[in-house]
């Protein structure tokens, strides 16, 4: 199915759509539900090295965070930015900046699975 937007007036369409992230998953995975959480981290709080038991997608609502997958460059995410934390991959940094951060986390889960986070030794 194709969706076409028609301009309301002039050249400005009434609806615009932008792809923010098109992330292939490394392997097929049974996903029976998606749990969405609003998570707030206090200013200057470092999330610490962590690993998720499921793929996690997110979008920053307010504030900013330094995001880094272990072995990759760090980036600063702000309002409207999206991210992907792969299942079983070490997330080196998810550190709130001076204003803290609030984001939505989307956890892709199997039927009887709950989101879990592990904090391994560095």
PDB file of N, CA and C in Angstrom:
ATOM      1  N   UNK A   1       0.847  -1.166   0.000  1.00  0.00           N
ATOM      2  CA  UNK A   1       0.000   0.000   0.000  1.00  0.00           C
ATOM      3  C   UNK A   1       0.891   1.226   0.000  1.00  0.00           C
ATOM      4  N   UNK A   2       0.587   2.161  -0.843  1.00  0.00           N
ATOM      5  CA  UNK A   2       1.331   3.414  -0.909  1.00  0.00           C
ATOM      6  C   UNK A   2       0.471   4.526  -0.347  1.00  0.00           C
ATOM      7  N   UNK A   3       1.112   5.416   0.413  1.00  0.00           N
ATOM      8  CA  UNK A   3       0.409   6.559   0.964  1.00  0.00           C
ATOM      9  C   UNK A   3       0.964   7.800   0.305  1.00  0.00           C
ATOM     10  N   UNK A   4       0.095   8.638  -0.179  1.00  0.00           N
ATOM     11  CA  UNK A   4       0.504   9.887  -0.810  1.00  0.00           C
ATOM     12  C   UNK A   4      -0.120  11.040  -0.044  1.00  0.00           C
ATOM     13  N   UNK A   5       0.693  12.050   0.235  1.00  0.00           N
ATOM     14  CA  UNK A   5       0.192  13.242   0.900  1.00  0.00           C
ATOM     15  C   UNK A   5      -0.111  14.296  -0.159  1.00  0.00           C
ATOM     16  N   UNK A   6      -1.243  14.930  -0.015  1.00  0.00           N
ATOM     17  CA  UNK A   6      -1.581  15.992  -0.952  1.00  0.00           C
ATOM     18  C   UNK A   6      -1.488  17.327  -0.241  1.00  0.00           C
ATOM     19  N   UNK A   7      -0.943  18.310  -0.909  1.00  0.00           N
ATOM     20  CA  UNK A   7      -0.800  19.626  -0.273  1.00  0.00           C
ATOM     21  C   UNK A   7      -2.155  20.229   0.085  1.00  0.00           C
ATOM     22  N   UNK A   8      -2.199  20.821   1.285  1.00  0.00           N
ATOM     23  CA  UNK A   8      -3.412  21.521   1.701  1.00  0.00           C
ATOM     24  C   UNK A   8      -3.462  22.873   1.001  1.00  0.00           C
ATOM     25  N   UNK A   9      -2.375  23.591   1.063  1.00  0.00           N
ATOM     26  CA  UNK A   9      -2.265  24.879   0.384  1.00  0.00           C
ATOM     27  C   UNK A   9      -0.826  25.037  -0.063  1.00  0.00           C
ATOM     28  N   UNK A  10      -0.634  25.640  -1.200  1.00  0.00           N
ATOM     29  CA  UNK A  10       0.720  25.883  -1.688  1.00  0.00           C
ATOM     30  C   UNK A  10       1.478  24.582  -1.869  1.00  0.00           C
ATOM     31  N   UNK A  11       2.759  24.602  -1.542  1.00  0.00           N
ATOM     32  CA  UNK A  11       3.622  23.441  -1.714  1.00  0.00           C
ATOM     33  C   UNK A  11       3.864  22.670  -0.424  1.00  0.00           C
ATOM     34  N   UNK A  12       3.217  23.062   0.668  1.00  0.00           N
ATOM     35  CA  UNK A  12       3.443  22.417   1.954  1.00  0.00           C
ATOM     36  C   UNK A  12       2.438  21.301   2.167  1.00  0.00           C
ATOM     37  N   UNK A  13       2.917  20.042   2.264  1.00  0.00           N
ATOM     38  CA  UNK A  13       1.972  18.942   2.506  1.00  0.00           C
ATOM     39  C   UNK A  13       1.431  19.012   3.935  1.00  0.00           C
ATOM     40  N   UNK A  14       0.191  18.557   4.168  1.00  0.00           N
ATOM     41  CA  UNK A  14      -0.382  18.593   5.510  1.00  0.00           C
ATOM     42  C   UNK A  14       0.252  17.564   6.436  1.00  0.00           C
ATOM     43  N   UNK A  15       0.871  16.542   5.876  1.00  0.00           N
ATOM     44  CA  UNK A  15       1.530  15.500   6.659  1.00  0.00           C
ATOM     45  C   UNK A  15       2.875  15.214   6.014  1.00  0.00           C
ATOM     46  N   UNK A  16       3.906  15.125   6.843  1.00  0.00           N
ATOM     47  CA  UNK A  16       5.210  14.695   6.336  1.00  0.00           C
ATOM     48  C   UNK A  16       5.638  13.475   7.126  1.00  0.00           C
ATOM     49  N   UNK A  17       6.375  12.597   6.484  1.00  0.00           N
ATOM     50  CA  UNK A  17       6.862  11.377   7.124  1.00  0.00           C
ATOM     51  C   UNK A  17       8.356  11.276   6.873  1.00  0.00           C
ATOM     52  N   UNK A  18       9.108  11.001   7.932  1.00  0.00           N
ATOM     53  CA  UNK A  18      10.558  10.851   7.818  1.00  0.00           C
ATOM     54  C   UNK A  18      10.975   9.555   8.489  1.00  0.00           C
ATOM     55  N   UNK A  19      11.807   8.791   7.843  1.00  0.00           N
ATOM     56  CA  UNK A  19      12.356   7.581   8.451  1.00  0.00           C
ATOM     57  C   UNK A  19      13.504   8.019   9.360  1.00  0.00           C
ATOM     58  N   UNK A  20      13.390   7.740  10.649  1.00  0.00           N
ATOM     59  CA  UNK A  20      14.435   8.099  11.598  1.00  0.00           C
ATOM     60  C   UNK A  20      15.427   6.976  11.808  1.00  0.00           C
ATOM     61  N   UNK A  21      14.957   5.741  11.666  1.00  0.00           N
ATOM     62  CA  UNK A  21      15.809   4.578  11.860  1.00  0.00           C
ATOM     63  C   UNK A  21      15.176   3.410  11.126  1.00  0.00           C
ATOM     64  N   UNK A  22      15.969   2.689  10.363  1.00  0.00           N
ATOM     65  CA  UNK A  22      15.532   1.471   9.687  1.00  0.00           C
ATOM     66  C   UNK A  22      16.582   0.427  10.038  1.00  0.00           C
ATOM     67  N   UNK A  23      16.387  -0.255  11.161  1.00  0.00           N
ATOM     68  CA  UNK A  23      17.407  -1.110  11.757  1.00  0.00           C
ATOM     69  C   UNK A  23      17.124  -2.583  11.519  1.00  0.00           C
ATOM     70  N   UNK A  24      17.947  -3.257  10.690  1.00  0.00           N
ATOM     71  CA  UNK A  24      17.793  -4.705  10.583  1.00  0.00           C
ATOM     72  C   UNK A  24      18.267  -5.368  11.886  1.00  0.00           C
ATOM     73  N   UNK A  25      17.612  -6.444  12.263  1.00  0.00           N
ATOM     74  CA  UNK A  25      18.036  -7.205  13.440  1.00  0.00           C
ATOM     75  C   UNK A  25      19.010  -8.288  12.979  1.00  0.00           C
ATOM     76  N   UNK A  26      19.980  -8.651  13.817  1.00  0.00           N
ATOM     77  CA  UNK A  26      21.004  -9.596  13.390  1.00  0.00           C
ATOM     78  C   UNK A  26      20.485 -11.009  13.124  1.00  0.00           C
ATOM     79  N   UNK A  27      19.341 -11.367  13.722  1.00  0.00           N
ATOM     80  CA  UNK A  27      18.775 -12.698  13.520  1.00  0.00           C
ATOM     81  C   UNK A  27      17.265 -12.619  13.715  1.00  0.00           C
ATOM     82  N   UNK A  28      16.558 -13.568  13.104  1.00  0.00           N
ATOM     83  CA  UNK A  28      15.117 -13.624  13.306  1.00  0.00           C
ATOM     84  C   UNK A  28      14.837 -13.873  14.781  1.00  0.00           C
ATOM     85  N   UNK A  29      13.775 -13.262  15.288  1.00  0.00           N
ATOM     86  CA  UNK A  29      13.470 -13.357  16.711  1.00  0.00           C
ATOM     87  C   UNK A  29      11.965 -13.348  16.881  1.00  0.00           C
ATOM     88  N   UNK A  30      11.447 -14.204  17.754  1.00  0.00           N
ATOM     89  CA  UNK A  30      10.013 -14.200  18.047  1.00  0.00           C
ATOM     90  C   UNK A  30       9.704 -12.971  18.898  1.00  0.00           C
ATOM     91  N   UNK A  31       8.838 -12.121  18.419  1.00  0.00           N
ATOM     92  CA  UNK A  31       8.392 -10.958  19.185  1.00  0.00           C
ATOM     93  C   UNK A  31       6.874 -11.034  19.262  1.00  0.00           C
ATOM     94  N   UNK A  32       6.386 -11.258  20.484  1.00  0.00           N
ATOM     95  CA  UNK A  32       4.951 -11.368  20.697  1.00  0.00           C
ATOM     96  C   UNK A  32       4.364 -10.108  21.300  1.00  0.00           C
ATOM     97  N   UNK A  33       5.241  -9.264  21.842  1.00  0.00           N
ATOM     98  CA  UNK A  33       4.762  -8.015  22.410  1.00  0.00           C
ATOM     99  C   UNK A  33       5.906  -7.014  22.496  1.00  0.00           C
ATOM    100  N   UNK A  34       5.548  -5.754  22.608  1.00  0.00           N
ATOM    101  CA  UNK A  34       6.510  -4.681  22.784  1.00  0.00           C
ATOM    102  C   UNK A  34       6.109  -3.931  24.046  1.00  0.00           C
ATOM    103  N   UNK A  35       7.036  -3.859  24.995  1.00  0.00           N
ATOM    104  CA  UNK A  35       6.793  -3.084  26.208  1.00  0.00           C
ATOM    105  C   UNK A  35       7.464  -1.734  26.023  1.00  0.00           C
ATOM    106  N   UNK A  36       6.708  -0.663  26.243  1.00  0.00           N
ATOM    107  CA  UNK A  36       7.239   0.689  26.102  1.00  0.00           C
ATOM    108  C   UNK A  36       7.318   1.309  27.487  1.00  0.00           C
ATOM    109  N   UNK A  37       8.509   1.797  27.827  1.00  0.00           N
ATOM    110  CA  UNK A  37       8.722   2.424  29.138  1.00  0.00           C
ATOM    111  C   UNK A  37       9.215   3.855  28.941  1.00  0.00           C
ATOM    112  N   UNK A  38       8.742   4.753  29.788  1.00  0.00           N
ATOM    113  CA  UNK A  38       9.300   6.105  29.859  1.00  0.00           C
ATOM    114  C   UNK A  38      10.322   6.058  30.992  1.00  0.00           C
ATOM    115  N   UNK A  39      11.563   6.359  30.668  1.00  0.00           N
ATOM    116  CA  UNK A  39      12.666   6.244  31.630  1.00  0.00           C
ATOM    117  C   UNK A  39      13.319   7.610  31.790  1.00  0.00           C
ATOM    118  N   UNK A  40      13.541   8.020  33.028  1.00  0.00           N
ATOM    119  CA  UNK A  40      14.197   9.289  33.328  1.00  0.00           C
ATOM    120  C   UNK A  40      15.476   9.004  34.109  1.00  0.00           C
ATOM    121  N   UNK A  41      16.566   9.621  33.675  1.00  0.00           N
ATOM    122  CA  UNK A  41      17.856   9.493  34.349  1.00  0.00           C
ATOM    123  C   UNK A  41      18.266  10.882  34.831  1.00  0.00           C
ATOM    124  N   UNK A  42      18.675  10.972  36.080  1.00  0.00           N
ATOM    125  CA  UNK A  42      19.046  12.241  36.705  1.00  0.00           C
ATOM    126  C   UNK A  42      20.258  12.875  36.018  1.00  0.00           C
ATOM    127  N   UNK A  43      20.386  14.203  36.099  1.00  0.00           N
ATOM    128  CA  UNK A  43      21.540  14.891  35.506  1.00  0.00           C
ATOM    129  C   UNK A  43      22.867  14.285  35.963  1.00  0.00           C
ATOM    130  N   UNK A  44      23.773  14.149  35.033  1.00  0.00           N
ATOM    131  CA  UNK A  44      25.140  13.665  35.255  1.00  0.00           C
ATOM    132  C   UNK A  44      25.220  12.241  35.784  1.00  0.00           C
ATOM    133  N   UNK A  45      24.147  11.460  35.673  1.00  0.00           N
ATOM    134  CA  UNK A  45      24.188  10.064  36.123  1.00  0.00           C
ATOM    135  C   UNK A  45      24.641   9.177  34.969  1.00  0.00           C
ATOM    136  N   UNK A  46      25.666   8.364  35.236  1.00  0.00           N
ATOM    137  CA  UNK A  46      26.169   7.422  34.227  1.00  0.00           C
ATOM    138  C   UNK A  46      25.404   6.118  34.348  1.00  0.00           C
ATOM    139  N   UNK A  47      24.825   5.669  33.244  1.00  0.00           N
ATOM    140  CA  UNK A  47      24.062   4.429  33.245  1.00  0.00           C
ATOM    141  C   UNK A  47      24.921   3.202  33.497  1.00  0.00           C
ATOM    142  N   UNK A  48      26.193   3.285  33.175  1.00  0.00           N
ATOM    143  CA  UNK A  48      27.104   2.170  33.400  1.00  0.00           C
ATOM    144  C   UNK A  48      27.032   1.136  32.293  1.00  0.00           C
ATOM    145  N   UNK A  49      28.099   0.359  32.186  1.00  0.00           N
ATOM    146  CA  UNK A  49      28.175  -0.731  31.216  1.00  0.00           C
ATOM    147  C   UNK A  49      27.006  -1.677  31.468  1.00  0.00           C
ATOM    148  N   UNK A  50      26.243  -1.985  30.412  1.00  0.00           N
ATOM    149  CA  UNK A  50      25.092  -2.872  30.594  1.00  0.00           C
ATOM    150  C   UNK A  50      24.778  -3.637  29.320  1.00  0.00           C
ATOM    151  N   UNK A  51      23.977  -4.710  29.510  1.00  0.00           N
ATOM    152  CA  UNK A  51      23.561  -5.594  28.420  1.00  0.00           C
ATOM    153  C   UNK A  51      22.075  -5.894  28.606  1.00  0.00           C
ATOM    154  N   UNK A  52      21.312  -5.828  27.509  1.00  0.00           N
ATOM    155  CA  UNK A  52      19.881  -6.151  27.551  1.00  0.00           C
ATOM    156  C   UNK A  52      19.647  -7.563  27.026  1.00  0.00           C
ATOM    157  N   UNK A  53      18.585  -8.215  27.525  1.00  0.00           N
ATOM    158  CA  UNK A  53      18.232  -9.569  27.089  1.00  0.00           C
ATOM    159  C   UNK A  53      17.336  -9.568  25.856  1.00  0.00           C
ATOM    160  N   UNK A  54      17.014  -8.394  25.341  1.00  0.00           N
ATOM    161  CA  UNK A  54      16.170  -8.271  24.153  1.00  0.00           C
ATOM    162  C   UNK A  54      16.599  -7.014  23.405  1.00  0.00           C
ATOM    163  N   UNK A  55      16.228  -6.901  22.137  1.00  0.00           N
ATOM    164  CA  UNK A  55      16.526  -5.656  21.423  1.00  0.00           C
ATOM    165  C   UNK A  55      15.735  -4.502  22.047  1.00  0.00           C
ATOM    166  N   UNK A  56      16.386  -3.349  22.149  1.00  0.00           N
ATOM    167  CA  UNK A  56      15.740  -2.158  22.700  1.00  0.00           C
ATOM    168  C   UNK A  56      15.907  -1.015  21.706  1.00  0.00           C
ATOM    169  N   UNK A  57      14.791  -0.391  21.376  1.00  0.00           N
ATOM    170  CA  UNK A  57      14.798   0.812  20.558  1.00  0.00           C
ATOM    171  C   UNK A  57      14.362   1.955  21.453  1.00  0.00           C
ATOM    172  N   UNK A  58      14.807   3.152  21.156  1.00  0.00           N
ATOM    173  CA  UNK A  58      14.415   4.272  21.997  1.00  0.00           C
ATOM    174  C   UNK A  58      14.385   5.584  21.263  1.00  0.00           C
ATOM    175  N   UNK A  59      13.702   6.549  21.885  1.00  0.00           N
ATOM    176  CA  UNK A  59      13.668   7.915  21.372  1.00  0.00           C
ATOM    177  C   UNK A  59      13.736   8.874  22.558  1.00  0.00           C
ATOM    178  N   UNK A  60      14.619   9.855  22.430  1.00  0.00           N
ATOM    179  CA  UNK A  60      14.823  10.832  23.491  1.00  0.00           C
ATOM    180  C   UNK A  60      13.693  11.860  23.440  1.00  0.00           C
ATOM    181  N   UNK A  61      13.068  12.090  24.594  1.00  0.00           N
ATOM    182  CA  UNK A  61      12.019  13.108  24.696  1.00  0.00           C
ATOM    183  C   UNK A  61      12.600  14.448  25.131  1.00  0.00           C
ATOM    184  N   UNK A  62      13.358  14.438  26.240  1.00  0.00           N
ATOM    185  CA  UNK A  62      13.940  15.673  26.765  1.00  0.00           C
ATOM    186  C   UNK A  62      15.350  15.398  27.263  1.00  0.00           C
ATOM    187  N   UNK A  63      16.159  16.459  27.346  1.00  0.00           N
ATOM    188  CA  UNK A  63      17.521  16.333  27.845  1.00  0.00           C
ATOM    189  C   UNK A  63      18.448  15.737  26.805  1.00  0.00           C
ATOM    190  N   UNK A  64      19.570  15.201  27.302  1.00  0.00           N
ATOM    191  CA  UNK A  64      20.542  14.595  26.389  1.00  0.00           C
ATOM    192  C   UNK A  64      21.316  13.507  27.113  1.00  0.00           C
ATOM    193  N   UNK A  65      21.908  12.621  26.296  1.00  0.00           N
ATOM    194  CA  UNK A  65      22.616  11.468  26.826  1.00  0.00           C
ATOM    195  C   UNK A  65      23.785  11.132  25.906  1.00  0.00           C
ATOM    196  N   UNK A  66      24.897  10.692  26.489  1.00  0.00           N
ATOM    197  CA  UNK A  66      26.006  10.157  25.701  1.00  0.00           C
ATOM    198  C   UNK A  66      25.734   8.670  25.550  1.00  0.00           C
ATOM    199  N   UNK A  67      25.646   8.220  24.290  1.00  0.00           N
ATOM    200  CA  UNK A  67      25.305   6.832  23.973  1.00  0.00           C
ATOM    201  C   UNK A  67      26.492   6.203  23.253  1.00  0.00           C
ATOM    202  N   UNK A  68      26.877   5.001  23.714  1.00  0.00           N
ATOM    203  CA  UNK A  68      28.005   4.319  23.063  1.00  0.00           C
ATOM    204  C   UNK A  68      27.888   2.815  23.205  1.00  0.00           C
ATOM    205  N   UNK A  69      27.913   2.133  22.070  1.00  0.00           N
ATOM    206  CA  UNK A  69      28.060   0.686  22.058  1.00  0.00           C
ATOM    207  C   UNK A  69      29.554   0.408  22.208  1.00  0.00           C
ATOM    208  N   UNK A  70      29.922  -0.562  23.025  1.00  0.00           N
ATOM    209  CA  UNK A  70      31.335  -0.866  23.269  1.00  0.00           C
ATOM    210  C   UNK A  70      32.073  -1.078  21.947  1.00  0.00           C
ATOM    211  N   UNK A  71      33.222  -0.400  21.809  1.00  0.00           N
ATOM    212  CA  UNK A  71      34.042  -0.537  20.613  1.00  0.00           C
ATOM    213  C   UNK A  71      33.661   0.397  19.481  1.00  0.00           C
ATOM    214  N   UNK A  72      32.586   1.171  19.647  1.00  0.00           N
ATOM    215  CA  UNK A  72      32.150   2.125  18.628  1.00  0.00           C
ATOM    216  C   UNK A  72      32.262   3.542  19.185  1.00  0.00           C
ATOM    217  N   UNK A  73      32.245   4.553  18.310  1.00  0.00           N
ATOM    218  CA  UNK A  73      32.336   5.935  18.797  1.00  0.00           C
ATOM    219  C   UNK A  73      31.095   6.329  19.603  1.00  0.00           C
ATOM    220  N   UNK A  74      31.296   7.220  20.568  1.00  0.00           N
ATOM    221  CA  UNK A  74      30.188   7.759  21.363  1.00  0.00           C
ATOM    222  C   UNK A  74      29.480   8.843  20.570  1.00  0.00           C
ATOM    223  N   UNK A  75      28.198   9.037  20.850  1.00  0.00           N
ATOM    224  CA  UNK A  75      27.459  10.140  20.255  1.00  0.00           C
ATOM    225  C   UNK A  75      26.550  10.741  21.317  1.00  0.00           C
ATOM    226  N   UNK A  76      26.200  12.006  21.131  1.00  0.00           N
ATOM    227  CA  UNK A  76      25.289  12.681  22.050  1.00  0.00           C
ATOM    228  C   UNK A  76      23.920  12.720  21.388  1.00  0.00           C
ATOM    229  N   UNK A  77      22.921  12.205  22.104  1.00  0.00           N
ATOM    230  CA  UNK A  77      21.549  12.171  21.607  1.00  0.00           C
ATOM    231  C   UNK A  77      20.714  13.197  22.354  1.00  0.00           C
ATOM    232  N   UNK A  78      19.865  13.911  21.625  1.00  0.00           N
ATOM    233  CA  UNK A  78      18.983  14.904  22.225  1.00  0.00           C
ATOM    234  C   UNK A  78      17.544  14.655  21.816  1.00  0.00           C
ATOM    235  N   UNK A  79      16.643  15.580  22.169  1.00  0.00           N
ATOM    236  CA  UNK A  79      15.218  15.407  21.868  1.00  0.00           C
ATOM    237  C   UNK A  79      14.976  15.086  20.397  1.00  0.00           C
ATOM    238  N   UNK A  80      14.201  14.014  20.171  1.00  0.00           N
ATOM    239  CA  UNK A  80      13.875  13.579  18.820  1.00  0.00           C
ATOM    240  C   UNK A  80      14.832  12.553  18.247  1.00  0.00           C
ATOM    241  N   UNK A  81      16.013  12.389  18.856  1.00  0.00           N
ATOM    242  CA  UNK A  81      16.969  11.386  18.368  1.00  0.00           C
ATOM    243  C   UNK A  81      16.521   9.992  18.781  1.00  0.00           C
ATOM    244  N   UNK A  82      16.842   9.010  17.944  1.00  0.00           N
ATOM    245  CA  UNK A  82      16.479   7.620  18.210  1.00  0.00           C
ATOM    246  C   UNK A  82      17.738   6.771  18.328  1.00  0.00           C
ATOM    247  N   UNK A  83      17.605   5.613  18.980  1.00  0.00           N
ATOM    248  CA  UNK A  83      18.756   4.725  19.157  1.00  0.00           C
ATOM    249  C   UNK A  83      18.292   3.276  19.193  1.00  0.00           C
ATOM    250  N   UNK A  84      19.269   2.381  19.050  1.00  0.00           N
ATOM    251  CA  UNK A  84      19.038   0.929  19.071  1.00  0.00           C
ATOM    252  C   UNK A  84      20.118   0.295  19.932  1.00  0.00           C
ATOM    253  N   UNK A  85      19.695  -0.478  20.924  1.00  0.00           N
ATOM    254  CA  UNK A  85      20.609  -1.249  21.754  1.00  0.00           C
ATOM    255  C   UNK A  85      20.368  -2.721  21.436  1.00  0.00           C
ATOM    256  N   UNK A  86      21.289  -3.360  20.713  1.00  0.00           N
ATOM    257  CA  UNK A  86      21.106  -4.756  20.313  1.00  0.00           C
ATOM    258  C   UNK A  86      21.070  -5.703  21.520  1.00  0.00           C
ATOM    259  N   UNK A  87      20.338  -6.768  21.386  1.00  0.00           N
ATOM    260  CA  UNK A  87      20.277  -7.815  22.404  1.00  0.00           C
ATOM    261  C   UNK A  87      21.665  -8.409  22.605  1.00  0.00           C
ATOM    262  N   UNK A  88      22.081  -8.550  23.882  1.00  0.00           N
ATOM    263  CA  UNK A  88      23.330  -9.229  24.211  1.00  0.00           C
ATOM    264  C   UNK A  88      24.591  -8.455  23.890  1.00  0.00           C
ATOM    265  N   UNK A  89      24.483  -7.191  23.475  1.00  0.00           N
ATOM    266  CA  UNK A  89      25.655  -6.374  23.137  1.00  0.00           C
ATOM    267  C   UNK A  89      25.939  -5.423  24.289  1.00  0.00           C
ATOM    268  N   UNK A  90      27.216  -5.241  24.575  1.00  0.00           N
ATOM    269  CA  UNK A  90      27.618  -4.381  25.692  1.00  0.00           C
ATOM    270  C   UNK A  90      27.458  -2.904  25.312  1.00  0.00           C
ATOM    271  N   UNK A  91      26.625  -2.220  26.086  1.00  0.00           N
ATOM    272  CA  UNK A  91      26.435  -0.780  25.921  1.00  0.00           C
ATOM    273  C   UNK A  91      27.398  -0.123  26.908  1.00  0.00           C
ATOM    274  N   UNK A  92      28.426   0.523  26.375  1.00  0.00           N
ATOM    275  CA  UNK A  92      29.491   1.087  27.211  1.00  0.00           C
ATOM    276  C   UNK A  92      29.024   2.326  27.974  1.00  0.00           C
ATOM    277  N   UNK A  93      28.207   3.167  27.305  1.00  0.00           N
ATOM    278  CA  UNK A  93      27.768   4.410  27.950  1.00  0.00           C
ATOM    279  C   UNK A  93      26.322   4.715  27.588  1.00  0.00           C
ATOM    280  N   UNK A  94      25.595   5.141  28.577  1.00  0.00           N
ATOM    281  CA  UNK A  94      24.288   5.758  28.407  1.00  0.00           C
ATOM    282  C   UNK A  94      24.205   6.764  29.552  1.00  0.00           C
ATOM    283  N   UNK A  95      24.941   7.866  29.388  1.00  0.00           N
ATOM    284  CA  UNK A  95      25.221   8.820  30.465  1.00  0.00           C
ATOM    285  C   UNK A  95      24.434  10.106  30.272  1.00  0.00           C
ATOM    286  N   UNK A  96      23.559  10.403  31.227  1.00  0.00           N
ATOM    287  CA  UNK A  96      22.777  11.634  31.171  1.00  0.00           C
ATOM    288  C   UNK A  96      23.702  12.839  31.290  1.00  0.00           C
ATOM    289  N   UNK A  97      23.378  13.881  30.550  1.00  0.00           N
ATOM    290  CA  UNK A  97      24.150  15.115  30.576  1.00  0.00           C
ATOM    291  C   UNK A  97      23.561  16.089  31.600  1.00  0.00           C
ATOM    292  N   UNK A  98      23.918  17.366  31.527  1.00  0.00           N
ATOM    293  CA  UNK A  98      23.575  18.349  32.565  1.00  0.00           C
ATOM    294  C   UNK A  98      22.080  18.509  32.817  1.00  0.00           C
ATOM    295  N   UNK A  99      21.220  18.263  31.845  1.00  0.00           N
ATOM    296  CA  UNK A  99      19.770  18.385  32.045  1.00  0.00           C
ATOM    297  C   UNK A  99      19.099  17.053  32.344  1.00  0.00           C
ATOM    298  N   UNK A 100      19.885  15.986  32.502  1.00  0.00           N
ATOM    299  CA  UNK A 100      19.292  14.667  32.649  1.00  0.00           C
ATOM    300  C   UNK A 100      18.713  14.240  31.312  1.00  0.00           C
ATOM    301  N   UNK A 101      17.986  13.139  31.297  1.00  0.00           N
ATOM    302  CA  UNK A 101      17.371  12.668  30.054  1.00  0.00           C
ATOM    303  C   UNK A 101      16.097  11.905  30.379  1.00  0.00           C
ATOM    304  N   UNK A 102      15.091  12.086  29.545  1.00  0.00           N
ATOM    305  CA  UNK A 102      13.885  11.266  29.582  1.00  0.00           C
ATOM    306  C   UNK A 102      13.716  10.700  28.180  1.00  0.00           C
ATOM    307  N   UNK A 103      13.517   9.390  28.113  1.00  0.00           N
ATOM    308  CA  UNK A 103      13.372   8.740  26.809  1.00  0.00           C
ATOM    309  C   UNK A 103      12.324   7.640  26.889  1.00  0.00           C
ATOM    310  N   UNK A 104      11.825   7.268  25.719  1.00  0.00           N
ATOM    311  CA  UNK A 104      10.940   6.114  25.616  1.00  0.00           C
ATOM    312  C   UNK A 104      11.778   4.935  25.167  1.00  0.00           C
ATOM    313  N   UNK A 105      11.691   3.817  25.876  1.00  0.00           N
ATOM    314  CA  UNK A 105      12.382   2.586  25.515  1.00  0.00           C
ATOM    315  C   UNK A 105      11.359   1.554  25.060  1.00  0.00           C
ATOM    316  N   UNK A 106      11.594   0.966  23.886  1.00  0.00           N
ATOM    317  CA  UNK A 106      10.702  -0.032  23.295  1.00  0.00           C
ATOM    318  C   UNK A 106      11.408  -1.385  23.363  1.00  0.00           C
ATOM    319  N   UNK A 107      10.918  -2.288  24.206  1.00  0.00           N
ATOM    320  CA  UNK A 107      11.538  -3.583  24.444  1.00  0.00           C
ATOM    321  C   UNK A 107      10.785  -4.649  23.652  1.00  0.00           C
ATOM    322  N   UNK A 108      11.472  -5.312  22.708  1.00  0.00           N
ATOM    323  CA  UNK A 108      10.863  -6.352  21.876  1.00  0.00           C
ATOM    324  C   UNK A 108      10.950  -7.679  22.626  1.00  0.00           C
ATOM    325  N   UNK A 109       9.798  -8.230  23.009  1.00  0.00           N
ATOM    326  CA  UNK A 109       9.763  -9.379  23.917  1.00  0.00           C
ATOM    327  C   UNK A 109       8.997 -10.561  23.331  1.00  0.00           C
ATOM    328  N   UNK A 110       9.419 -11.765  23.711  1.00  0.00           N
ATOM    329  CA  UNK A 110       8.676 -12.976  23.398  1.00  0.00           C
ATOM    330  C   UNK A 110       7.497 -13.054  24.380  1.00  0.00           C
ATOM    331  N   UNK A 111       6.618 -14.013  24.213  1.00  0.00           N
ATOM    332  CA  UNK A 111       5.378 -14.105  24.988  1.00  0.00           C
ATOM    333  C   UNK A 111       5.602 -14.100  26.503  1.00  0.00           C
ATOM    334  N   UNK A 112       6.533 -14.896  27.008  1.00  0.00           N
ATOM    335  CA  UNK A 112       6.743 -15.019  28.456  1.00  0.00           C
ATOM    336  C   UNK A 112       8.015 -14.332  28.932  1.00  0.00           C
ATOM    337  N   UNK A 113       8.533 -13.428  28.144  1.00  0.00           N
ATOM    338  CA  UNK A 113       9.797 -12.761  28.461  1.00  0.00           C
ATOM    339  C   UNK A 113       9.532 -11.419  29.145  1.00  0.00           C
ATOM    340  N   UNK A 114      10.439 -11.052  30.064  1.00  0.00           N
ATOM    341  CA  UNK A 114      10.405  -9.735  30.711  1.00  0.00           C
ATOM    342  C   UNK A 114      11.722  -9.041  30.400  1.00  0.00           C
ATOM    343  N   UNK A 115      11.695  -7.691  30.286  1.00  0.00           N
ATOM    344  CA  UNK A 115      12.949  -6.976  30.049  1.00  0.00           C
ATOM    345  C   UNK A 115      13.902  -7.154  31.229  1.00  0.00           C
ATOM    346  N   UNK A 116      15.147  -7.468  30.909  1.00  0.00           N
ATOM    347  CA  UNK A 116      16.170  -7.603  31.942  1.00  0.00           C
ATOM    348  C   UNK A 116      17.401  -6.826  31.506  1.00  0.00           C
ATOM    349  N   UNK A 117      18.131  -6.340  32.498  1.00  0.00           N
ATOM    350  CA  UNK A 117      19.369  -5.624  32.239  1.00  0.00           C
ATOM    351  C   UNK A 117      20.439  -6.208  33.153  1.00  0.00           C
ATOM    352  N   UNK A 118      21.609  -6.438  32.588  1.00  0.00           N
ATOM    353  CA  UNK A 118      22.736  -7.014  33.332  1.00  0.00           C
ATOM    354  C   UNK A 118      23.847  -5.968  33.335  1.00  0.00           C
ATOM    355  N   UNK A 119      24.557  -5.842  34.451  1.00  0.00           N
ATOM    356  CA  UNK A 119      25.671  -4.922  34.575  1.00  0.00           C
ATOM    357  C   UNK A 119      26.957  -5.734  34.742  1.00  0.00           C
ATOM    358  N   UNK A 120      27.574  -6.153  33.633  1.00  0.00           N
ATOM    359  CA  UNK A 120      28.786  -6.986  33.719  1.00  0.00           C
ATOM    360  C   UNK A 120      29.993  -6.171  34.185  1.00  0.00           C
ATOM    361  N   UNK A 121      31.005  -6.865  34.624  1.00  0.00           N
ATOM    362  CA  UNK A 121      32.261  -6.196  34.986  1.00  0.00           C
ATOM    363  C   UNK A 121      32.922  -5.666  33.725  1.00  0.00           C
ATOM    364  N   UNK A 122      33.559  -4.478  33.825  1.00  0.00           N
ATOM    365  CA  UNK A 122      34.238  -3.920  32.632  1.00  0.00           C
ATOM    366  C   UNK A 122      35.368  -4.748  32.112  1.00  0.00           C
TER     367      UNK A 122
END
